[in-house]
């Protein structure tokens, strides 16, 4: 698989095509980093250390963290929000 696009190919793309290309590229890169982390972690697990870290603590990535969505809505807040859409 080739790494990039020729300038003429970029010029012929729509914004949506370009966005999809970038998204696919990011997914491929993420997969490669995940594979690298797994290989390094397997080597780490073979060391004689007694206490081992989890794979996400050993080599954290920004996509490992879950978003903090805050506290759930109270019943009153939910009712007020539903009124906005009625």
Protein backbone atom coordinates (compact mmCIF):
# COMPACT_ATOMS: atom_id res chain seq x y z
CA UNK A 1 0.00 0.00 0.00
CA UNK A 2 1.34 3.38 -0.85
CA UNK A 3 1.99 6.00 1.76
CA UNK A 4 0.64 9.11 0.09
CA UNK A 5 -1.17 10.73 -2.75
CA UNK A 6 0.11 12.53 -5.80
CA UNK A 7 -0.79 16.23 -5.98
CA UNK A 8 -3.02 15.57 -8.99
CA UNK A 9 -4.92 12.92 -7.02
CA UNK A 10 -5.51 15.37 -4.17
CA UNK A 11 -6.78 18.03 -6.59
CA UNK A 12 -9.33 15.59 -8.00
CA UNK A 13 -10.70 14.64 -4.56
CA UNK A 14 -13.81 16.05 -3.01
CA UNK A 15 -13.64 17.24 0.59
CA UNK A 16 -15.46 14.06 1.65
CA UNK A 17 -12.99 11.84 -0.22
CA UNK A 18 -10.08 13.63 1.43
CA UNK A 19 -11.67 13.35 4.89
CA UNK A 20 -12.22 9.62 4.39
CA UNK A 21 -8.64 9.20 3.22
CA UNK A 22 -7.29 10.98 6.30
CA UNK A 23 -9.54 8.95 8.60
CA UNK A 24 -8.39 5.68 7.02
CA UNK A 25 -4.76 6.77 7.31
CA UNK A 26 -5.21 7.56 11.02
CA UNK A 27 -6.85 4.18 11.63
CA UNK A 28 -3.98 2.40 9.88
CA UNK A 29 -1.42 4.32 11.94
CA UNK A 30 -3.29 3.53 15.14
CA UNK A 31 -3.33 -0.15 14.26
CA UNK A 32 0.41 -0.13 13.69
CA UNK A 33 1.01 1.56 17.05
CA UNK A 34 -1.28 -0.97 18.75
CA UNK A 35 0.70 -3.82 17.16
CA UNK A 36 4.00 -2.24 18.25
CA UNK A 37 2.73 -1.82 21.80
CA UNK A 38 1.60 -5.43 21.93
CA UNK A 39 4.98 -6.74 20.74
CA UNK A 40 6.90 -4.62 23.24
CA UNK A 41 4.49 -5.56 26.02
CA UNK A 42 4.97 -9.27 25.31
CA UNK A 43 8.73 -8.79 25.74
CA UNK A 44 8.12 -6.84 28.95
CA UNK A 45 5.93 -9.67 30.32
CA UNK A 46 8.86 -12.08 29.87
CA UNK A 47 11.05 -10.06 32.27
CA UNK A 48 11.49 -11.36 35.83
CA UNK A 49 9.81 -8.34 37.49
CA UNK A 50 7.31 -9.42 40.14
CA UNK A 51 4.78 -6.63 39.68
CA UNK A 52 3.67 -6.04 36.13
CA UNK A 53 1.86 -3.04 34.70
CA UNK A 54 -1.17 -3.38 32.48
CA UNK A 55 -0.61 -2.80 28.78
CA UNK A 56 -2.31 0.61 28.90
CA UNK A 57 -0.22 1.71 31.89
CA UNK A 58 2.96 0.32 30.35
CA UNK A 59 2.59 2.27 27.10
CA UNK A 60 -0.41 4.62 27.25
CA UNK A 61 -1.95 6.18 24.16
CA UNK A 62 -4.33 9.11 24.13
CA UNK A 63 -7.11 6.96 22.67
CA UNK A 64 -6.98 4.64 25.70
CA UNK A 65 -8.59 7.26 27.91
CA UNK A 66 -12.35 7.34 28.11
CA UNK A 67 -14.08 10.69 27.96
CA UNK A 68 -15.47 12.01 31.22
CA UNK A 69 -19.10 12.59 30.37
CA UNK A 70 -19.91 14.19 33.73
CA UNK A 71 -22.69 13.35 36.12
CA UNK A 72 -25.91 11.93 34.67
CA UNK A 73 -28.86 14.27 34.27
CA UNK A 74 -31.32 14.54 37.10
CA UNK A 75 -34.98 13.82 36.39
CA UNK A 76 -35.75 17.56 36.44
CA UNK A 77 -32.91 18.37 34.01
CA UNK A 78 -34.11 15.62 31.69
CA UNK A 79 -37.68 16.97 31.74
CA UNK A 80 -36.43 20.51 31.03
CA UNK A 81 -34.36 19.23 28.10
CA UNK A 82 -37.31 17.29 26.67
CA UNK A 83 -39.49 20.44 26.86
CA UNK A 84 -37.02 22.20 24.57
CA UNK A 85 -37.74 19.67 21.81
CA UNK A 86 -41.54 19.64 22.21
